[in-house]
Amino acid sequence: MPWIDFIEEDQADDELRSLYETVKNPDGGIDHILKIHGPNPPAMTAHIELYRTLMFGKSPLSRRQRETIALVVASAIDCHY
């Protein structure tokens, strides 16, 4: 798997720091899958919007079905995220 550098919160400019605030976990951390977008905040915003649309938008699939599909795909590709 390739390594992608990301910007830590204490190195973020005001725009990115504000964006990080919106995606913090309950424990205050930020998932690496989002941090890799740090150099390109519009990409992070698009990623978040896509995720929210897929998981919470109108769909014939239930939330449980969507989560199950995500879990099966992650397992099939050996993704530990």
PDB file of N, CA and C in Angstrom:
ATOM      1  N   MET A   1       0.842  -1.169   0.000  1.00  0.00           N
ATOM      2  CA  MET A   1       0.000   0.000   0.000  1.00  0.00           C
ATOM      3  C   MET A   1       0.891   1.237   0.000  1.00  0.00           C
ATOM      4  N   PRO A   2       0.589   2.226  -0.843  1.00  0.00           N
ATOM      5  CA  PRO A   2       1.413   3.434  -0.883  1.00  0.00           C
ATOM      6  C   PRO A   2       1.226   4.277   0.369  1.00  0.00           C
ATOM      7  N   TRP A   3       2.244   5.005   0.717  1.00  0.00           N
ATOM      8  CA  TRP A   3       2.180   5.910   1.857  1.00  0.00           C
ATOM      9  C   TRP A   3       1.871   7.307   1.339  1.00  0.00           C
ATOM     10  N   ILE A   4       0.888   7.925   1.940  1.00  0.00           N
ATOM     11  CA  ILE A   4       0.510   9.282   1.557  1.00  0.00           C
ATOM     12  C   ILE A   4       0.701  10.167   2.783  1.00  0.00           C
ATOM     13  N   ASP A   5       1.499  11.207   2.645  1.00  0.00           N
ATOM     14  CA  ASP A   5       1.709  12.140   3.749  1.00  0.00           C
ATOM     15  C   ASP A   5       0.438  12.939   4.008  1.00  0.00           C
ATOM     16  N   PHE A   6       0.235  13.280   5.267  1.00  0.00           N
ATOM     17  CA  PHE A   6      -0.916  14.109   5.599  1.00  0.00           C
ATOM     18  C   PHE A   6      -0.489  15.236   6.520  1.00  0.00           C
ATOM     19  N   ILE A   7      -1.360  16.201   6.642  1.00  0.00           N
ATOM     20  CA  ILE A   7      -1.072  17.384   7.451  1.00  0.00           C
ATOM     21  C   ILE A   7      -1.709  17.214   8.821  1.00  0.00           C
ATOM     22  N   GLU A   8      -0.880  17.305   9.859  1.00  0.00           N
ATOM     23  CA  GLU A   8      -1.379  17.207  11.233  1.00  0.00           C
ATOM     24  C   GLU A   8      -2.143  18.477  11.600  1.00  0.00           C
ATOM     25  N   GLU A   9      -2.999  18.369  12.601  1.00  0.00           N
ATOM     26  CA  GLU A   9      -3.825  19.503  13.010  1.00  0.00           C
ATOM     27  C   GLU A   9      -2.981  20.727  13.375  1.00  0.00           C
ATOM     28  N   ASP A  10      -1.874  20.518  14.068  1.00  0.00           N
ATOM     29  CA  ASP A  10      -1.059  21.650  14.499  1.00  0.00           C
ATOM     30  C   ASP A  10      -0.272  22.289  13.350  1.00  0.00           C
ATOM     31  N   GLN A  11      -0.279  21.658  12.179  1.00  0.00           N
ATOM     32  CA  GLN A  11       0.389  22.206  10.999  1.00  0.00           C
ATOM     33  C   GLN A  11      -0.601  22.776   9.983  1.00  0.00           C
ATOM     34  N   ALA A  12      -1.881  22.616  10.266  1.00  0.00           N
ATOM     35  CA  ALA A  12      -2.924  23.026   9.321  1.00  0.00           C
ATOM     36  C   ALA A  12      -3.124  24.534   9.333  1.00  0.00           C
ATOM     37  N   ASP A  13      -3.429  25.084   8.152  1.00  0.00           N
ATOM     38  CA  ASP A  13      -3.790  26.499   8.095  1.00  0.00           C
ATOM     39  C   ASP A  13      -5.227  26.640   8.613  1.00  0.00           C
ATOM     40  N   ASP A  14      -5.718  27.866   8.672  1.00  0.00           N
ATOM     41  CA  ASP A  14      -7.041  28.112   9.263  1.00  0.00           C
ATOM     42  C   ASP A  14      -8.154  27.359   8.536  1.00  0.00           C
ATOM     43  N   GLU A  15      -8.108  27.352   7.205  1.00  0.00           N
ATOM     44  CA  GLU A  15      -9.151  26.670   6.434  1.00  0.00           C
ATOM     45  C   GLU A  15      -9.167  25.178   6.743  1.00  0.00           C
ATOM     46  N   LEU A  16      -8.000  24.552   6.718  1.00  0.00           N
ATOM     47  CA  LEU A  16      -7.926  23.111   6.969  1.00  0.00           C
ATOM     48  C   LEU A  16      -8.242  22.787   8.421  1.00  0.00           C
ATOM     49  N   ARG A  17      -7.779  23.610   9.345  1.00  0.00           N
ATOM     50  CA  ARG A  17      -8.067  23.385  10.766  1.00  0.00           C
ATOM     51  C   ARG A  17      -9.575  23.410  10.999  1.00  0.00           C
ATOM     52  N   SER A  18     -10.262  24.344  10.359  1.00  0.00           N
ATOM     53  CA  SER A  18     -11.714  24.429  10.483  1.00  0.00           C
ATOM     54  C   SER A  18     -12.383  23.179   9.916  1.00  0.00           C
ATOM     55  N   LEU A  19     -11.890  22.713   8.783  1.00  0.00           N
ATOM     56  CA  LEU A  19     -12.436  21.502   8.173  1.00  0.00           C
ATOM     57  C   LEU A  19     -12.186  20.290   9.060  1.00  0.00           C
ATOM     58  N   TYR A  20     -10.983  20.188   9.622  1.00  0.00           N
ATOM     59  CA  TYR A  20     -10.670  19.097  10.554  1.00  0.00           C
ATOM     60  C   TYR A  20     -11.648  19.093  11.729  1.00  0.00           C
ATOM     61  N   GLU A  21     -12.003  20.283  12.219  1.00  0.00           N
ATOM     62  CA  GLU A  21     -12.944  20.371  13.350  1.00  0.00           C
ATOM     63  C   GLU A  21     -14.278  19.708  13.015  1.00  0.00           C
ATOM     64  N   THR A  22     -14.694  19.794  11.764  1.00  0.00           N
ATOM     65  CA  THR A  22     -16.000  19.236  11.382  1.00  0.00           C
ATOM     66  C   THR A  22     -15.987  17.719  11.253  1.00  0.00           C
ATOM     67  N   VAL A  23     -14.783  17.118  11.180  1.00  0.00           N
ATOM     68  CA  VAL A  23     -14.713  15.664  10.960  1.00  0.00           C
ATOM     69  C   VAL A  23     -14.088  14.910  12.131  1.00  0.00           C
ATOM     70  N   LYS A  24     -13.892  15.586  13.256  1.00  0.00           N
ATOM     71  CA  LYS A  24     -13.288  14.919  14.412  1.00  0.00           C
ATOM     72  C   LYS A  24     -14.183  13.801  14.934  1.00  0.00           C
ATOM     73  N   ASN A  25     -13.538  12.728  15.373  1.00  0.00           N
ATOM     74  CA  ASN A  25     -14.223  11.608  16.017  1.00  0.00           C
ATOM     75  C   ASN A  25     -14.632  12.028  17.425  1.00  0.00           C
ATOM     76  N   PRO A  26     -15.498  11.255  18.075  1.00  0.00           N
ATOM     77  CA  PRO A  26     -15.861  11.578  19.460  1.00  0.00           C
ATOM     78  C   PRO A  26     -14.652  11.657  20.397  1.00  0.00           C
ATOM     79  N   ASP A  27     -13.584  10.908  20.093  1.00  0.00           N
ATOM     80  CA  ASP A  27     -12.385  10.953  20.940  1.00  0.00           C
ATOM     81  C   ASP A  27     -11.447  12.096  20.557  1.00  0.00           C
ATOM     82  N   GLY A  28     -11.830  12.906  19.571  1.00  0.00           N
ATOM     83  CA  GLY A  28     -11.040  14.056  19.161  1.00  0.00           C
ATOM     84  C   GLY A  28     -10.069  13.783  18.031  1.00  0.00           C
ATOM     85  N   GLY A  29      -9.947  12.538  17.600  1.00  0.00           N
ATOM     86  CA  GLY A  29      -9.046  12.198  16.505  1.00  0.00           C
ATOM     87  C   GLY A  29      -9.691  12.398  15.145  1.00  0.00           C
ATOM     88  N   ILE A  30      -8.850  12.340  14.126  1.00  0.00           N
ATOM     89  CA  ILE A  30      -9.328  12.465  12.745  1.00  0.00           C
ATOM     90  C   ILE A  30      -8.828  11.254  11.981  1.00  0.00           C
ATOM     91  N   ASP A  31      -9.731  10.574  11.294  1.00  0.00           N
ATOM     92  CA  ASP A  31      -9.354   9.388  10.538  1.00  0.00           C
ATOM     93  C   ASP A  31      -8.323   9.720   9.465  1.00  0.00           C
ATOM     94  N   HIS A  32      -7.354   8.840   9.303  1.00  0.00           N
ATOM     95  CA  HIS A  32      -6.316   9.040   8.293  1.00  0.00           C
ATOM     96  C   HIS A  32      -6.908   9.143   6.885  1.00  0.00           C
ATOM     97  N   ILE A  33      -7.988   8.423   6.639  1.00  0.00           N
ATOM     98  CA  ILE A  33      -8.613   8.456   5.305  1.00  0.00           C
ATOM     99  C   ILE A  33      -9.046   9.879   4.952  1.00  0.00           C
ATOM    100  N   LEU A  34      -9.315  10.686   5.962  1.00  0.00           N
ATOM    101  CA  LEU A  34      -9.659  12.094   5.713  1.00  0.00           C
ATOM    102  C   LEU A  34      -8.422  12.986   5.737  1.00  0.00           C
ATOM    103  N   LYS A  35      -7.477  12.685   6.621  1.00  0.00           N
ATOM    104  CA  LYS A  35      -6.263  13.506   6.713  1.00  0.00           C
ATOM    105  C   LYS A  35      -5.449  13.509   5.422  1.00  0.00           C
ATOM    106  N   ILE A  36      -5.514  12.429   4.651  1.00  0.00           N
ATOM    107  CA  ILE A  36      -4.730  12.404   3.418  1.00  0.00           C
ATOM    108  C   ILE A  36      -5.193  13.462   2.428  1.00  0.00           C
ATOM    109  N   HIS A  37      -6.391  13.988   2.641  1.00  0.00           N
ATOM    110  CA  HIS A  37      -6.900  15.052   1.778  1.00  0.00           C
ATOM    111  C   HIS A  37      -6.433  16.431   2.228  1.00  0.00           C
ATOM    112  N   GLY A  38      -5.696  16.496   3.320  1.00  0.00           N
ATOM    113  CA  GLY A  38      -5.263  17.770   3.870  1.00  0.00           C
ATOM    114  C   GLY A  38      -4.632  18.721   2.866  1.00  0.00           C
ATOM    115  N   PRO A  39      -3.754  18.236   1.993  1.00  0.00           N
ATOM    116  CA  PRO A  39      -3.164  19.147   1.009  1.00  0.00           C
ATOM    117  C   PRO A  39      -4.174  19.693  -0.008  1.00  0.00           C
ATOM    118  N   ASN A  40      -5.362  19.088  -0.052  1.00  0.00           N
ATOM    119  CA  ASN A  40      -6.379  19.504  -1.020  1.00  0.00           C
ATOM    120  C   ASN A  40      -7.745  19.539  -0.326  1.00  0.00           C
ATOM    121  N   PRO A  41      -8.025  20.581   0.473  1.00  0.00           N
ATOM    122  CA  PRO A  41      -9.287  20.645   1.216  1.00  0.00           C
ATOM    123  C   PRO A  41     -10.549  20.444   0.373  1.00  0.00           C
ATOM    124  N   PRO A  42     -10.617  20.947  -0.889  1.00  0.00           N
ATOM    125  CA  PRO A  42     -11.820  20.663  -1.672  1.00  0.00           C
ATOM    126  C   PRO A  42     -12.034  19.153  -1.899  1.00  0.00           C
ATOM    127  N   ALA A  43     -10.946  18.402  -2.004  1.00  0.00           N
ATOM    128  CA  ALA A  43     -11.078  16.946  -2.156  1.00  0.00           C
ATOM    129  C   ALA A  43     -11.653  16.334  -0.880  1.00  0.00           C
ATOM    130  N   MET A  44     -11.230  16.843   0.290  1.00  0.00           N
ATOM    131  CA  MET A  44     -11.776  16.338   1.547  1.00  0.00           C
ATOM    132  C   MET A  44     -13.265  16.635   1.634  1.00  0.00           C
ATOM    133  N   THR A  45     -13.649  17.850   1.270  1.00  0.00           N
ATOM    134  CA  THR A  45     -15.058  18.223   1.297  1.00  0.00           C
ATOM    135  C   THR A  45     -15.873  17.318   0.374  1.00  0.00           C
ATOM    136  N   ALA A  46     -15.355  17.043  -0.820  1.00  0.00           N
ATOM    137  CA  ALA A  46     -16.049  16.170  -1.770  1.00  0.00           C
ATOM    138  C   ALA A  46     -16.136  14.740  -1.233  1.00  0.00           C
ATOM    139  N   HIS A  47     -15.069  14.268  -0.604  1.00  0.00           N
ATOM    140  CA  HIS A  47     -15.055  12.919  -0.017  1.00  0.00           C
ATOM    141  C   HIS A  47     -16.142  12.801   1.050  1.00  0.00           C
ATOM    142  N   ILE A  48     -16.215  13.785   1.925  1.00  0.00           N
ATOM    143  CA  ILE A  48     -17.214  13.777   3.000  1.00  0.00           C
ATOM    144  C   ILE A  48     -18.623  13.798   2.416  1.00  0.00           C
ATOM    145  N   GLU A  49     -18.846  14.644   1.416  1.00  0.00           N
ATOM    146  CA  GLU A  49     -20.173  14.736   0.796  1.00  0.00           C
ATOM    147  C   GLU A  49     -20.556  13.420   0.122  1.00  0.00           C
ATOM    148  N   LEU A  50     -19.604  12.806  -0.579  1.00  0.00           N
ATOM    149  CA  LEU A  50     -19.872  11.508  -1.210  1.00  0.00           C
ATOM    150  C   LEU A  50     -20.231  10.464  -0.163  1.00  0.00           C
ATOM    151  N   TYR A  51     -19.453  10.389   0.900  1.00  0.00           N
ATOM    152  CA  TYR A  51     -19.730   9.416   1.966  1.00  0.00           C
ATOM    153  C   TYR A  51     -21.119   9.643   2.562  1.00  0.00           C
ATOM    154  N   ARG A  52     -21.425  10.878   2.883  1.00  0.00           N
ATOM    155  CA  ARG A  52     -22.734  11.170   3.495  1.00  0.00           C
ATOM    156  C   ARG A  52     -23.885  10.838   2.544  1.00  0.00           C
ATOM    157  N   THR A  53     -23.705  11.097   1.272  1.00  0.00           N
ATOM    158  CA  THR A  53     -24.734  10.770   0.286  1.00  0.00           C
ATOM    159  C   THR A  53     -24.921   9.261   0.189  1.00  0.00           C
ATOM    160  N   LEU A  54     -23.803   8.533   0.105  1.00  0.00           N
ATOM    161  CA  LEU A  54     -23.886   7.072  -0.025  1.00  0.00           C
ATOM    162  C   LEU A  54     -24.480   6.415   1.214  1.00  0.00           C
ATOM    163  N   MET A  55     -24.092   6.884   2.385  1.00  0.00           N
ATOM    164  CA  MET A  55     -24.504   6.212   3.614  1.00  0.00           C
ATOM    165  C   MET A  55     -25.811   6.745   4.206  1.00  0.00           C
ATOM    166  N   PHE A  56     -26.139   7.996   3.937  1.00  0.00           N
ATOM    167  CA  PHE A  56     -27.314   8.596   4.578  1.00  0.00           C
ATOM    168  C   PHE A  56     -28.357   9.131   3.600  1.00  0.00           C
ATOM    169  N   GLY A  57     -27.998   9.218   2.318  1.00  0.00           N
ATOM    170  CA  GLY A  57     -28.934   9.750   1.328  1.00  0.00           C
ATOM    171  C   GLY A  57     -30.063   8.783   1.023  1.00  0.00           C
ATOM    172  N   LYS A  58     -31.039   9.276   0.308  1.00  0.00           N
ATOM    173  CA  LYS A  58     -32.183   8.463  -0.084  1.00  0.00           C
ATOM    174  C   LYS A  58     -31.697   7.275  -0.921  1.00  0.00           C
ATOM    175  N   SER A  59     -32.183   6.091  -0.585  1.00  0.00           N
ATOM    176  CA  SER A  59     -31.730   4.870  -1.253  1.00  0.00           C
ATOM    177  C   SER A  59     -32.719   3.738  -0.986  1.00  0.00           C
ATOM    178  N   PRO A  60     -32.818   2.787  -1.915  1.00  0.00           N
ATOM    179  CA  PRO A  60     -33.642   1.614  -1.629  1.00  0.00           C
ATOM    180  C   PRO A  60     -32.972   0.693  -0.613  1.00  0.00           C
ATOM    181  N   LEU A  61     -31.694   0.921  -0.324  1.00  0.00           N
ATOM    182  CA  LEU A  61     -30.981   0.109   0.662  1.00  0.00           C
ATOM    183  C   LEU A  61     -31.089   0.733   2.046  1.00  0.00           C
ATOM    184  N   SER A  62     -31.233  -0.117   3.052  1.00  0.00           N
ATOM    185  CA  SER A  62     -31.259   0.375   4.429  1.00  0.00           C
ATOM    186  C   SER A  62     -29.843   0.741   4.866  1.00  0.00           C
ATOM    187  N   ARG A  63     -29.760   1.454   5.953  1.00  0.00           N
ATOM    188  CA  ARG A  63     -28.438   1.808   6.502  1.00  0.00           C
ATOM    189  C   ARG A  63     -27.662   0.532   6.821  1.00  0.00           C
ATOM    190  N   ARG A  64     -28.335  -0.441   7.381  1.00  0.00           N
ATOM    191  CA  ARG A  64     -27.693  -1.716   7.726  1.00  0.00           C
ATOM    192  C   ARG A  64     -27.140  -2.414   6.480  1.00  0.00           C
ATOM    193  N   GLN A  65     -27.908  -2.415   5.402  1.00  0.00           N
ATOM    194  CA  GLN A  65     -27.441  -3.026   4.156  1.00  0.00           C
ATOM    195  C   GLN A  65     -26.217  -2.301   3.610  1.00  0.00           C
ATOM    196  N   ARG A  66     -26.239  -0.986   3.676  1.00  0.00           N
ATOM    197  CA  ARG A  66     -25.099  -0.201   3.186  1.00  0.00           C
ATOM    198  C   ARG A  66     -23.843  -0.498   4.000  1.00  0.00           C
ATOM    199  N   GLU A  67     -23.995  -0.555   5.311  1.00  0.00           N
ATOM    200  CA  GLU A  67     -22.852  -0.854   6.185  1.00  0.00           C
ATOM    201  C   GLU A  67     -22.330  -2.268   5.923  1.00  0.00           C
ATOM    202  N   THR A  68     -23.232  -3.202   5.686  1.00  0.00           N
ATOM    203  CA  THR A  68     -22.828  -4.583   5.399  1.00  0.00           C
ATOM    204  C   THR A  68     -22.038  -4.651   4.096  1.00  0.00           C
ATOM    205  N   ILE A  69     -22.500  -3.952   3.081  1.00  0.00           N
ATOM    206  CA  ILE A  69     -21.780  -3.921   1.808  1.00  0.00           C
ATOM    207  C   ILE A  69     -20.389  -3.328   2.016  1.00  0.00           C
ATOM    208  N   ALA A  70     -20.294  -2.238   2.747  1.00  0.00           N
ATOM    209  CA  ALA A  70     -18.994  -1.612   3.010  1.00  0.00           C
ATOM    210  C   ALA A  70     -18.062  -2.567   3.742  1.00  0.00           C
ATOM    211  N   LEU A  71     -18.596  -3.283   4.710  1.00  0.00           N
ATOM    212  CA  LEU A  71     -17.794  -4.241   5.471  1.00  0.00           C
ATOM    213  C   LEU A  71     -17.294  -5.385   4.584  1.00  0.00           C
ATOM    214  N   VAL A  72     -18.162  -5.924   3.750  1.00  0.00           N
ATOM    215  CA  VAL A  72     -17.784  -7.034   2.867  1.00  0.00           C
ATOM    216  C   VAL A  72     -16.720  -6.579   1.860  1.00  0.00           C
ATOM    217  N   VAL A  73     -16.910  -5.409   1.290  1.00  0.00           N
ATOM    218  CA  VAL A  73     -15.921  -4.900   0.315  1.00  0.00           C
ATOM    219  C   VAL A  73     -14.581  -4.665   1.015  1.00  0.00           C
ATOM    220  N   ALA A  74     -14.593  -4.027   2.178  1.00  0.00           N
ATOM    221  CA  ALA A  74     -13.346  -3.779   2.913  1.00  0.00           C
ATOM    222  C   ALA A  74     -12.633  -5.086   3.229  1.00  0.00           C
ATOM    223  N   SER A  75     -13.394  -6.078   3.628  1.00  0.00           N
ATOM    224  CA  SER A  75     -12.810  -7.387   3.932  1.00  0.00           C
ATOM    225  C   SER A  75     -12.232  -8.031   2.680  1.00  0.00           C
ATOM    226  N   ALA A  76     -12.937  -7.942   1.569  1.00  0.00           N
ATOM    227  CA  ALA A  76     -12.487  -8.555   0.322  1.00  0.00           C
ATOM    228  C   ALA A  76     -11.189  -7.946  -0.187  1.00  0.00           C
ATOM    229  N   ILE A  77     -10.990  -6.657   0.067  1.00  0.00           N
ATOM    230  CA  ILE A  77      -9.773  -6.008  -0.404  1.00  0.00           C
ATOM    231  C   ILE A  77      -8.739  -5.846   0.712  1.00  0.00           C
ATOM    232  N   ASP A  78      -8.986  -6.498   1.836  1.00  0.00           N
ATOM    233  CA  ASP A  78      -8.060  -6.487   2.974  1.00  0.00           C
ATOM    234  C   ASP A  78      -7.800  -5.079   3.492  1.00  0.00           C
ATOM    235  N   CYS A  79      -8.872  -4.292   3.556  1.00  0.00           N
ATOM    236  CA  CYS A  79      -8.783  -2.928   4.071  1.00  0.00           C
ATOM    237  C   CYS A  79      -9.140  -2.956   5.556  1.00  0.00           C
ATOM    238  N   HIS A  80      -8.246  -2.480   6.384  1.00  0.00           N
ATOM    239  CA  HIS A  80      -8.472  -2.518   7.825  1.00  0.00           C
ATOM    240  C   HIS A  80      -9.122  -1.250   8.348  1.00  0.00           C
ATOM    241  N   TYR A  81      -9.396  -0.309   7.462  1.00  0.00           N
ATOM    242  CA  TYR A  81     -10.036   0.928   7.881  1.00  0.00           C
ATOM    243  C   TYR A  81     -11.457   0.616   8.283  1.00  0.00           C
TER     244      TYR A  81
END
